[in-house]
């Protein structure tokens, strides 16, 4: 798994955002000077994923972050993502990593998740506009969630403006 201070790999994935289906790239956001909260999850409609996305959807602090975007990366198709977002009122773009190549690049691809191969595991990264990872977390259980206060703090970091924590918080659930 990628760690704090490492460069986030570039990616281009199809995704659903509302009624739109488009290609999304990491560079389109960071080149605008935005931070990216990248949320990996195995499947739409999985109980743990529903809980995680509903927690993010209801997080009031996300609306207070300037120049920050939340992107979900799951193993299902864009069409499944669109239905999942519609059902649970998820307004964040959900991207399809059906072959697991982006999850592999970030070091979070599961070789076996409940009988499925090559799907993203539960993980979250905060990437600053310089493509530096400011926060990295991987869940070791389906119901694990990161410390969202730490996520919020990391999303407010931009390059040299903040110090990377060295207390092990970036991988508390690994």
N, C-alpha and C. Protein backbone atom coordinates (compact mmCIF):
# COMPACT_ATOMS: atom_id res chain seq x y z
N UNK A 1 0.84 -1.18 0.00
CA UNK A 1 0.00 0.00 0.00
C UNK A 1 0.88 1.24 0.00
N UNK A 2 0.48 2.23 -0.78
CA UNK A 2 1.20 3.49 -0.79
C UNK A 2 1.13 4.15 0.58
N UNK A 3 2.16 4.91 0.92
CA UNK A 3 2.27 5.52 2.24
C UNK A 3 2.32 7.04 2.14
N UNK A 4 2.25 7.68 3.31
CA UNK A 4 2.37 9.12 3.39
C UNK A 4 3.63 9.61 2.68
N UNK A 5 3.50 10.74 1.98
CA UNK A 5 4.63 11.35 1.33
C UNK A 5 4.95 10.80 -0.05
N UNK A 6 4.38 9.66 -0.42
CA UNK A 6 4.62 9.11 -1.76
C UNK A 6 3.76 9.83 -2.78
N UNK A 7 4.17 9.73 -4.04
CA UNK A 7 3.40 10.31 -5.13
C UNK A 7 2.26 9.36 -5.51
N UNK A 8 1.09 9.94 -5.68
CA UNK A 8 -0.08 9.16 -6.08
C UNK A 8 0.01 8.83 -7.57
N UNK A 9 -0.21 7.59 -7.94
CA UNK A 9 -0.19 7.23 -9.36
C UNK A 9 -1.34 7.89 -10.12
N UNK A 10 -1.05 8.31 -11.33
CA UNK A 10 -2.09 8.86 -12.20
C UNK A 10 -3.05 7.75 -12.60
N UNK A 11 -4.29 8.14 -12.89
CA UNK A 11 -5.27 7.16 -13.39
C UNK A 11 -6.29 7.86 -14.26
N UNK A 12 -6.95 7.07 -15.07
CA UNK A 12 -8.07 7.50 -15.88
C UNK A 12 -9.09 6.38 -15.85
N UNK A 13 -10.29 6.67 -15.34
CA UNK A 13 -11.31 5.65 -15.19
C UNK A 13 -12.68 6.19 -15.60
N UNK A 14 -13.54 5.33 -16.14
CA UNK A 14 -14.91 5.76 -16.39
C UNK A 14 -15.64 5.89 -15.07
N UNK A 15 -16.56 6.85 -15.02
CA UNK A 15 -17.28 7.04 -13.77
C UNK A 15 -18.65 7.63 -13.97
N UNK A 16 -19.44 7.54 -12.91
CA UNK A 16 -20.79 8.10 -12.89
C UNK A 16 -20.84 9.19 -11.84
N UNK A 17 -21.41 10.32 -12.24
CA UNK A 17 -21.66 11.43 -11.32
C UNK A 17 -23.03 11.96 -11.67
N UNK A 18 -24.00 11.69 -10.83
CA UNK A 18 -25.38 12.04 -11.17
C UNK A 18 -25.82 11.25 -12.39
N UNK A 19 -26.38 11.94 -13.37
CA UNK A 19 -26.82 11.27 -14.59
C UNK A 19 -25.73 11.19 -15.65
N UNK A 20 -24.57 11.78 -15.36
CA UNK A 20 -23.48 11.82 -16.34
C UNK A 20 -22.53 10.65 -16.16
N UNK A 21 -22.07 10.13 -17.30
CA UNK A 21 -21.03 9.12 -17.32
C UNK A 21 -19.87 9.69 -18.13
N UNK A 22 -18.72 9.83 -17.48
CA UNK A 22 -17.56 10.44 -18.11
C UNK A 22 -16.29 9.73 -17.67
N UNK A 23 -15.22 10.06 -18.35
CA UNK A 23 -13.88 9.62 -17.95
C UNK A 23 -13.37 10.60 -16.90
N UNK A 24 -12.79 10.11 -15.83
CA UNK A 24 -12.23 10.95 -14.77
C UNK A 24 -10.75 10.61 -14.62
N UNK A 25 -9.94 11.64 -14.43
CA UNK A 25 -8.51 11.45 -14.21
C UNK A 25 -8.10 12.15 -12.92
N UNK A 26 -7.07 11.64 -12.29
CA UNK A 26 -6.54 12.33 -11.11
C UNK A 26 -6.04 13.71 -11.49
N UNK A 27 -5.38 13.80 -12.64
CA UNK A 27 -4.77 15.08 -13.03
C UNK A 27 -5.80 16.18 -13.25
N UNK A 28 -7.01 15.86 -13.70
CA UNK A 28 -8.00 16.92 -13.93
C UNK A 28 -8.35 17.65 -12.64
N UNK A 29 -8.22 17.00 -11.51
CA UNK A 29 -8.53 17.63 -10.23
C UNK A 29 -7.30 18.31 -9.62
N UNK A 30 -6.18 17.60 -9.58
CA UNK A 30 -5.00 18.21 -8.95
C UNK A 30 -4.46 19.38 -9.76
N UNK A 31 -4.63 19.35 -11.07
CA UNK A 31 -4.19 20.48 -11.89
C UNK A 31 -5.02 21.74 -11.64
N UNK A 32 -6.20 21.58 -11.05
CA UNK A 32 -7.02 22.73 -10.64
C UNK A 32 -6.59 23.26 -9.27
N UNK A 33 -5.64 22.55 -8.63
CA UNK A 33 -5.20 22.93 -7.30
C UNK A 33 -6.05 22.31 -6.20
N UNK A 34 -6.80 21.27 -6.53
CA UNK A 34 -7.70 20.63 -5.57
C UNK A 34 -7.01 19.46 -4.87
N UNK A 35 -7.44 19.21 -3.63
CA UNK A 35 -7.10 17.97 -2.94
C UNK A 35 -8.13 16.91 -3.36
N UNK A 36 -7.72 15.66 -3.34
CA UNK A 36 -8.60 14.56 -3.72
C UNK A 36 -8.68 13.57 -2.56
N UNK A 37 -9.89 13.28 -2.13
CA UNK A 37 -10.12 12.21 -1.16
C UNK A 37 -10.54 11.01 -2.00
N UNK A 38 -9.67 10.03 -2.07
CA UNK A 38 -9.86 8.86 -2.93
C UNK A 38 -10.29 7.69 -2.05
N UNK A 39 -11.51 7.22 -2.26
CA UNK A 39 -12.09 6.17 -1.43
C UNK A 39 -12.23 4.89 -2.26
N UNK A 40 -11.45 3.88 -1.91
CA UNK A 40 -11.57 2.58 -2.57
C UNK A 40 -12.56 1.72 -1.79
N UNK A 41 -13.38 1.00 -2.52
CA UNK A 41 -14.35 0.09 -1.90
C UNK A 41 -14.64 -1.05 -2.87
N UNK A 42 -14.98 -2.24 -2.34
CA UNK A 42 -15.13 -3.40 -3.22
C UNK A 42 -16.34 -3.33 -4.16
N UNK A 43 -17.53 -3.16 -3.58
CA UNK A 43 -18.76 -3.31 -4.37
C UNK A 43 -19.83 -2.32 -3.96
N UNK A 44 -20.62 -1.92 -4.93
CA UNK A 44 -21.83 -1.18 -4.64
C UNK A 44 -22.81 -2.15 -3.97
N UNK A 45 -23.62 -1.65 -3.10
CA UNK A 45 -24.68 -2.39 -2.41
C UNK A 45 -24.17 -3.42 -1.40
N UNK A 46 -22.86 -3.46 -1.14
CA UNK A 46 -22.33 -4.29 -0.05
C UNK A 46 -22.63 -3.54 1.25
N UNK A 47 -23.12 -4.21 2.29
CA UNK A 47 -23.51 -3.50 3.52
C UNK A 47 -22.42 -2.59 4.09
N UNK A 48 -21.18 -3.02 4.10
CA UNK A 48 -20.10 -2.19 4.63
C UNK A 48 -19.88 -0.96 3.75
N UNK A 49 -20.00 -1.13 2.46
CA UNK A 49 -19.81 -0.01 1.53
C UNK A 49 -20.96 0.99 1.65
N UNK A 50 -22.16 0.49 1.83
CA UNK A 50 -23.30 1.37 2.03
C UNK A 50 -23.07 2.23 3.28
N UNK A 51 -22.64 1.60 4.35
CA UNK A 51 -22.39 2.32 5.60
C UNK A 51 -21.31 3.39 5.41
N UNK A 52 -20.21 3.01 4.76
CA UNK A 52 -19.11 3.95 4.54
C UNK A 52 -19.56 5.14 3.70
N UNK A 53 -20.26 4.88 2.61
CA UNK A 53 -20.69 5.97 1.73
C UNK A 53 -21.74 6.85 2.38
N UNK A 54 -22.63 6.25 3.16
CA UNK A 54 -23.63 7.07 3.84
C UNK A 54 -22.98 7.95 4.91
N UNK A 55 -21.93 7.45 5.57
CA UNK A 55 -21.18 8.27 6.52
C UNK A 55 -20.54 9.45 5.81
N UNK A 56 -19.92 9.20 4.66
CA UNK A 56 -19.31 10.29 3.89
C UNK A 56 -20.37 11.26 3.37
N UNK A 57 -21.47 10.73 2.89
CA UNK A 57 -22.55 11.58 2.38
C UNK A 57 -23.05 12.54 3.46
N UNK A 58 -23.13 12.05 4.69
CA UNK A 58 -23.68 12.83 5.80
C UNK A 58 -22.65 13.68 6.53
N UNK A 59 -21.40 13.64 6.10
CA UNK A 59 -20.33 14.38 6.79
C UNK A 59 -20.42 15.86 6.43
N UNK A 60 -20.93 16.65 7.35
CA UNK A 60 -21.08 18.09 7.10
C UNK A 60 -19.76 18.77 6.81
N UNK A 61 -18.66 18.30 7.41
CA UNK A 61 -17.37 18.95 7.21
C UNK A 61 -16.91 18.90 5.77
N UNK A 62 -17.38 17.91 4.99
CA UNK A 62 -16.98 17.83 3.59
C UNK A 62 -17.44 19.06 2.80
N UNK A 63 -18.60 19.59 3.15
CA UNK A 63 -19.10 20.75 2.44
C UNK A 63 -18.31 22.01 2.78
N UNK A 64 -17.56 21.97 3.87
CA UNK A 64 -16.78 23.13 4.28
C UNK A 64 -15.37 23.14 3.70
N UNK A 65 -14.96 22.07 3.06
CA UNK A 65 -13.62 22.00 2.48
C UNK A 65 -13.60 22.67 1.12
N UNK A 66 -12.74 23.66 1.00
CA UNK A 66 -12.58 24.33 -0.30
C UNK A 66 -11.67 23.50 -1.19
N UNK A 67 -11.98 23.49 -2.46
CA UNK A 67 -11.11 22.88 -3.46
C UNK A 67 -10.74 21.43 -3.12
N UNK A 68 -11.75 20.66 -2.74
CA UNK A 68 -11.56 19.25 -2.42
C UNK A 68 -12.66 18.45 -3.11
N UNK A 69 -12.28 17.33 -3.70
CA UNK A 69 -13.25 16.46 -4.33
C UNK A 69 -13.11 15.06 -3.73
N UNK A 70 -14.23 14.38 -3.57
CA UNK A 70 -14.25 12.99 -3.13
C UNK A 70 -14.54 12.13 -4.35
N UNK A 71 -13.69 11.14 -4.60
CA UNK A 71 -13.87 10.20 -5.69
C UNK A 71 -13.91 8.79 -5.12
N UNK A 72 -14.92 8.04 -5.47
CA UNK A 72 -14.99 6.64 -5.09
C UNK A 72 -14.45 5.77 -6.21
N UNK A 73 -13.73 4.72 -5.86
CA UNK A 73 -13.25 3.76 -6.85
C UNK A 73 -13.67 2.37 -6.40
N UNK A 74 -14.57 1.77 -7.17
CA UNK A 74 -15.08 0.44 -6.84
C UNK A 74 -14.92 -0.51 -7.99
N UNK A 75 -15.17 -1.77 -7.73
CA UNK A 75 -14.98 -2.81 -8.72
C UNK A 75 -16.16 -3.03 -9.65
N UNK A 76 -17.29 -2.38 -9.37
CA UNK A 76 -18.48 -2.58 -10.21
C UNK A 76 -18.46 -1.68 -11.44
N UNK A 77 -19.43 -1.90 -12.32
CA UNK A 77 -19.53 -1.13 -13.56
C UNK A 77 -20.03 0.29 -13.28
N UNK A 78 -19.87 1.15 -14.25
CA UNK A 78 -20.38 2.52 -14.15
C UNK A 78 -21.90 2.51 -13.96
N UNK A 79 -22.58 1.58 -14.61
CA UNK A 79 -24.04 1.50 -14.50
C UNK A 79 -24.46 1.12 -13.08
N UNK A 80 -23.74 0.19 -12.47
CA UNK A 80 -24.02 -0.18 -11.08
C UNK A 80 -23.73 1.00 -10.16
N UNK A 81 -22.64 1.71 -10.41
CA UNK A 81 -22.31 2.90 -9.61
C UNK A 81 -23.42 3.94 -9.70
N UNK A 82 -23.93 4.13 -10.90
CA UNK A 82 -24.98 5.13 -11.09
C UNK A 82 -26.24 4.76 -10.30
N UNK A 83 -26.61 3.50 -10.32
CA UNK A 83 -27.79 3.05 -9.57
C UNK A 83 -27.54 3.13 -8.05
N UNK A 84 -26.35 2.76 -7.62
CA UNK A 84 -25.98 2.86 -6.21
C UNK A 84 -26.07 4.31 -5.74
N UNK A 85 -25.51 5.22 -6.52
CA UNK A 85 -25.53 6.65 -6.16
C UNK A 85 -26.97 7.17 -6.12
N UNK A 86 -27.76 6.75 -7.07
CA UNK A 86 -29.16 7.18 -7.11
C UNK A 86 -29.92 6.65 -5.89
N UNK A 87 -29.71 5.40 -5.56
CA UNK A 87 -30.43 4.76 -4.44
C UNK A 87 -30.08 5.40 -3.10
N UNK A 88 -28.81 5.73 -2.90
CA UNK A 88 -28.35 6.23 -1.59
C UNK A 88 -28.01 7.73 -1.61
N UNK A 89 -28.41 8.41 -2.67
CA UNK A 89 -28.20 9.86 -2.76
C UNK A 89 -26.73 10.24 -2.57
N UNK A 90 -25.85 9.52 -3.26
CA UNK A 90 -24.41 9.78 -3.22
C UNK A 90 -24.10 10.75 -4.36
N UNK A 91 -23.57 11.91 -4.02
CA UNK A 91 -23.31 12.93 -5.03
C UNK A 91 -21.87 12.96 -5.51
N UNK A 92 -21.03 12.11 -4.97
CA UNK A 92 -19.62 12.06 -5.37
C UNK A 92 -19.48 11.19 -6.62
N UNK A 93 -18.55 11.51 -7.51
CA UNK A 93 -18.30 10.63 -8.65
C UNK A 93 -17.81 9.26 -8.17
N UNK A 94 -18.38 8.22 -8.75
CA UNK A 94 -17.98 6.84 -8.45
C UNK A 94 -17.37 6.25 -9.71
N UNK A 95 -16.11 5.82 -9.62
CA UNK A 95 -15.35 5.38 -10.77
C UNK A 95 -15.23 3.86 -10.80
N UNK A 96 -15.21 3.31 -12.00
CA UNK A 96 -15.18 1.87 -12.18
C UNK A 96 -13.76 1.37 -12.45
N UNK A 97 -13.25 0.56 -11.51
CA UNK A 97 -11.94 -0.08 -11.66
C UNK A 97 -12.19 -1.58 -11.77
N UNK A 98 -12.92 -1.98 -12.81
CA UNK A 98 -13.38 -3.36 -12.94
C UNK A 98 -12.25 -4.37 -13.12
N UNK A 99 -11.10 -3.93 -13.62
CA UNK A 99 -9.99 -4.87 -13.78
C UNK A 99 -8.99 -4.79 -12.62
N UNK A 100 -9.20 -3.86 -11.70
CA UNK A 100 -8.36 -3.76 -10.51
C UNK A 100 -7.00 -3.11 -10.72
N UNK A 101 -6.75 -2.52 -11.88
CA UNK A 101 -5.42 -1.98 -12.14
C UNK A 101 -5.09 -0.75 -11.30
N UNK A 102 -6.08 0.11 -11.02
CA UNK A 102 -5.80 1.29 -10.20
C UNK A 102 -5.64 0.87 -8.74
N UNK A 103 -6.48 -0.04 -8.28
CA UNK A 103 -6.33 -0.57 -6.91
C UNK A 103 -4.95 -1.21 -6.76
N UNK A 104 -4.48 -1.90 -7.77
CA UNK A 104 -3.14 -2.51 -7.74
C UNK A 104 -2.07 -1.43 -7.64
N UNK A 105 -2.20 -0.36 -8.42
CA UNK A 105 -1.20 0.72 -8.41
C UNK A 105 -1.11 1.39 -7.03
N UNK A 106 -2.23 1.43 -6.31
CA UNK A 106 -2.25 2.02 -4.97
C UNK A 106 -1.97 0.98 -3.88
N UNK A 107 -1.82 -0.28 -4.29
CA UNK A 107 -1.48 -1.34 -3.34
C UNK A 107 -2.64 -1.79 -2.48
N UNK A 108 -3.88 -1.67 -3.01
CA UNK A 108 -5.05 -2.05 -2.20
C UNK A 108 -5.96 -3.06 -2.91
N UNK A 109 -5.46 -3.70 -3.95
CA UNK A 109 -6.26 -4.72 -4.64
C UNK A 109 -6.29 -5.99 -3.79
N UNK A 110 -7.48 -6.53 -3.65
CA UNK A 110 -7.67 -7.78 -2.90
C UNK A 110 -7.61 -8.96 -3.85
N UNK A 111 -6.82 -9.95 -3.51
CA UNK A 111 -6.79 -11.15 -4.34
C UNK A 111 -8.00 -12.03 -4.07
N UNK A 112 -8.61 -11.88 -2.88
CA UNK A 112 -9.82 -12.62 -2.58
C UNK A 112 -10.64 -11.83 -1.56
N UNK A 113 -11.76 -11.29 -2.00
CA UNK A 113 -12.68 -10.59 -1.11
C UNK A 113 -14.03 -11.27 -1.24
N UNK A 114 -14.38 -12.04 -0.22
CA UNK A 114 -15.65 -12.76 -0.20
C UNK A 114 -15.87 -13.56 -1.49
N UNK A 115 -14.79 -14.20 -1.96
CA UNK A 115 -14.88 -15.04 -3.14
C UNK A 115 -14.66 -14.33 -4.46
N UNK A 116 -14.44 -13.02 -4.42
CA UNK A 116 -14.21 -12.25 -5.64
C UNK A 116 -12.73 -11.89 -5.74
N UNK A 117 -12.20 -11.90 -6.95
CA UNK A 117 -10.79 -11.61 -7.17
C UNK A 117 -10.60 -10.23 -7.79
N UNK A 118 -9.48 -9.63 -7.46
CA UNK A 118 -9.04 -8.38 -8.09
C UNK A 118 -9.99 -7.21 -7.92
N UNK A 119 -10.57 -7.09 -6.74
CA UNK A 119 -11.42 -5.94 -6.43
C UNK A 119 -10.69 -5.04 -5.44
N UNK A 120 -11.03 -3.76 -5.42
CA UNK A 120 -10.41 -2.88 -4.43
C UNK A 120 -10.81 -3.29 -3.01
N UNK A 121 -9.86 -3.18 -2.10
CA UNK A 121 -10.16 -3.34 -0.69
C UNK A 121 -10.64 -2.01 -0.13
N UNK A 122 -11.06 -2.01 1.13
CA UNK A 122 -11.49 -0.77 1.78
C UNK A 122 -10.25 0.06 2.09
N UNK A 123 -10.14 1.24 1.47
CA UNK A 123 -8.98 2.10 1.67
C UNK A 123 -9.36 3.54 1.37
N UNK A 124 -8.59 4.45 1.92
CA UNK A 124 -8.83 5.87 1.69
C UNK A 124 -7.50 6.60 1.65
N UNK A 125 -7.35 7.46 0.65
CA UNK A 125 -6.16 8.28 0.51
C UNK A 125 -6.58 9.73 0.37
N UNK A 126 -5.81 10.64 0.94
CA UNK A 126 -5.97 12.06 0.68
C UNK A 126 -4.73 12.49 -0.10
N UNK A 127 -4.98 13.07 -1.26
CA UNK A 127 -3.91 13.45 -2.18
C UNK A 127 -3.96 14.97 -2.35
N UNK A 128 -2.82 15.62 -2.16
CA UNK A 128 -2.79 17.09 -2.29
C UNK A 128 -2.56 17.47 -3.76
N UNK A 129 -2.64 18.77 -4.09
CA UNK A 129 -2.49 19.19 -5.49
C UNK A 129 -1.13 18.87 -6.11
N UNK A 130 -0.13 18.55 -5.29
CA UNK A 130 1.17 18.13 -5.81
C UNK A 130 1.23 16.62 -6.03
N UNK A 131 0.10 15.95 -5.86
CA UNK A 131 -0.05 14.49 -5.96
C UNK A 131 0.69 13.76 -4.85
N UNK A 132 0.92 14.44 -3.73
CA UNK A 132 1.55 13.81 -2.57
C UNK A 132 0.46 13.24 -1.67
N UNK A 133 0.66 12.03 -1.21
CA UNK A 133 -0.30 11.40 -0.31
C UNK A 133 -0.13 12.00 1.08
N UNK A 134 -1.20 12.62 1.57
CA UNK A 134 -1.21 13.26 2.89
C UNK A 134 -1.86 12.38 3.95
N UNK A 135 -2.59 11.36 3.53
CA UNK A 135 -3.25 10.44 4.45
C UNK A 135 -3.44 9.12 3.72
N UNK A 136 -3.17 8.02 4.39
CA UNK A 136 -3.36 6.69 3.80
C UNK A 136 -3.91 5.76 4.87
N UNK A 137 -4.98 5.07 4.52
CA UNK A 137 -5.64 4.17 5.46
C UNK A 137 -6.18 2.97 4.70
N UNK A 138 -6.08 1.80 5.33
CA UNK A 138 -6.65 0.59 4.75
C UNK A 138 -7.38 -0.16 5.85
N UNK A 139 -8.62 -0.52 5.59
CA UNK A 139 -9.43 -1.24 6.57
C UNK A 139 -9.10 -2.72 6.58
N UNK A 140 -9.02 -3.27 7.77
CA UNK A 140 -8.73 -4.70 7.89
C UNK A 140 -9.99 -5.51 8.13
N UNK A 141 -11.13 -4.83 8.23
CA UNK A 141 -12.42 -5.50 8.41
C UNK A 141 -13.46 -4.74 7.59
N UNK A 142 -14.51 -5.43 7.20
CA UNK A 142 -15.54 -4.82 6.35
C UNK A 142 -16.18 -3.60 7.01
N UNK A 143 -16.27 -3.59 8.34
CA UNK A 143 -16.94 -2.47 9.02
C UNK A 143 -15.97 -1.40 9.52
N UNK A 144 -14.68 -1.50 9.17
CA UNK A 144 -13.69 -0.53 9.62
C UNK A 144 -13.87 0.80 8.88
N UNK A 145 -13.63 1.90 9.57
CA UNK A 145 -13.68 3.22 8.96
C UNK A 145 -12.49 4.03 9.45
N UNK A 146 -11.96 4.90 8.61
CA UNK A 146 -10.84 5.74 9.04
C UNK A 146 -11.31 6.79 10.04
N UNK A 147 -10.37 7.43 10.69
CA UNK A 147 -10.68 8.56 11.56
C UNK A 147 -10.94 9.76 10.64
N UNK A 148 -12.20 10.15 10.52
CA UNK A 148 -12.56 11.19 9.57
C UNK A 148 -12.06 12.57 9.99
N UNK A 149 -11.73 12.75 11.26
CA UNK A 149 -11.11 14.00 11.68
C UNK A 149 -9.71 14.11 11.06
N UNK A 150 -8.97 13.00 11.05
CA UNK A 150 -7.65 12.98 10.41
C UNK A 150 -7.76 13.18 8.90
N UNK A 151 -8.83 12.64 8.29
CA UNK A 151 -9.06 12.83 6.86
C UNK A 151 -9.29 14.31 6.57
N UNK A 152 -10.12 14.95 7.38
CA UNK A 152 -10.42 16.38 7.22
C UNK A 152 -9.14 17.21 7.33
N UNK A 153 -8.34 16.92 8.35
CA UNK A 153 -7.08 17.66 8.52
C UNK A 153 -6.16 17.48 7.32
N UNK A 154 -6.05 16.26 6.84
CA UNK A 154 -5.18 15.98 5.69
C UNK A 154 -5.68 16.68 4.43
N UNK A 155 -7.00 16.76 4.26
CA UNK A 155 -7.56 17.41 3.08
C UNK A 155 -7.28 18.90 3.07
N UNK A 156 -7.02 19.46 4.23
CA UNK A 156 -6.68 20.88 4.31
C UNK A 156 -5.19 21.14 4.09
N UNK A 157 -4.39 20.08 3.97
CA UNK A 157 -2.95 20.22 3.75
C UNK A 157 -2.67 20.45 2.28
N UNK A 158 -1.70 21.29 2.01
CA UNK A 158 -1.25 21.51 0.64
C UNK A 158 0.27 21.60 0.64
N UNK A 159 0.91 20.51 0.26
CA UNK A 159 2.37 20.47 0.12
C UNK A 159 3.10 20.83 1.39
N UNK A 160 3.92 21.87 1.34
CA UNK A 160 4.76 22.26 2.46
C UNK A 160 3.99 22.94 3.59
N UNK A 161 2.69 23.20 3.40
CA UNK A 161 1.91 23.91 4.40
C UNK A 161 1.60 23.08 5.64
N UNK A 162 1.83 21.78 5.59
CA UNK A 162 1.51 20.96 6.75
C UNK A 162 2.57 19.89 6.93
N UNK A 163 2.60 19.36 8.12
CA UNK A 163 3.54 18.29 8.41
C UNK A 163 2.82 16.96 8.32
N UNK A 164 3.47 15.99 7.75
CA UNK A 164 2.92 14.65 7.71
C UNK A 164 3.03 14.01 9.07
N UNK A 165 1.95 13.40 9.58
CA UNK A 165 2.03 12.78 10.89
C UNK A 165 3.00 11.61 10.88
N UNK A 166 3.71 11.43 12.01
CA UNK A 166 4.63 10.29 12.08
C UNK A 166 4.25 9.36 13.23
N UNK A 167 2.98 9.42 13.64
CA UNK A 167 2.54 8.62 14.78
C UNK A 167 1.89 7.31 14.37
N UNK A 168 1.95 6.95 13.08
CA UNK A 168 1.38 5.70 12.63
C UNK A 168 -0.10 5.80 12.31
N UNK A 169 -0.71 6.98 12.45
CA UNK A 169 -2.13 7.13 12.24
C UNK A 169 -2.55 6.81 10.80
N UNK A 170 -1.60 6.91 9.86
CA UNK A 170 -1.95 6.69 8.47
C UNK A 170 -2.31 5.25 8.16
N UNK A 171 -2.01 4.35 9.06
CA UNK A 171 -2.32 2.94 8.77
C UNK A 171 -2.86 2.26 10.02
N UNK A 172 -3.73 2.93 10.74
CA UNK A 172 -4.21 2.43 12.02
C UNK A 172 -4.92 1.09 11.91
N UNK A 173 -5.57 0.82 10.80
CA UNK A 173 -6.34 -0.41 10.67
C UNK A 173 -5.66 -1.44 9.79
N UNK A 174 -4.41 -1.25 9.47
CA UNK A 174 -3.71 -2.18 8.60
C UNK A 174 -3.22 -3.36 9.41
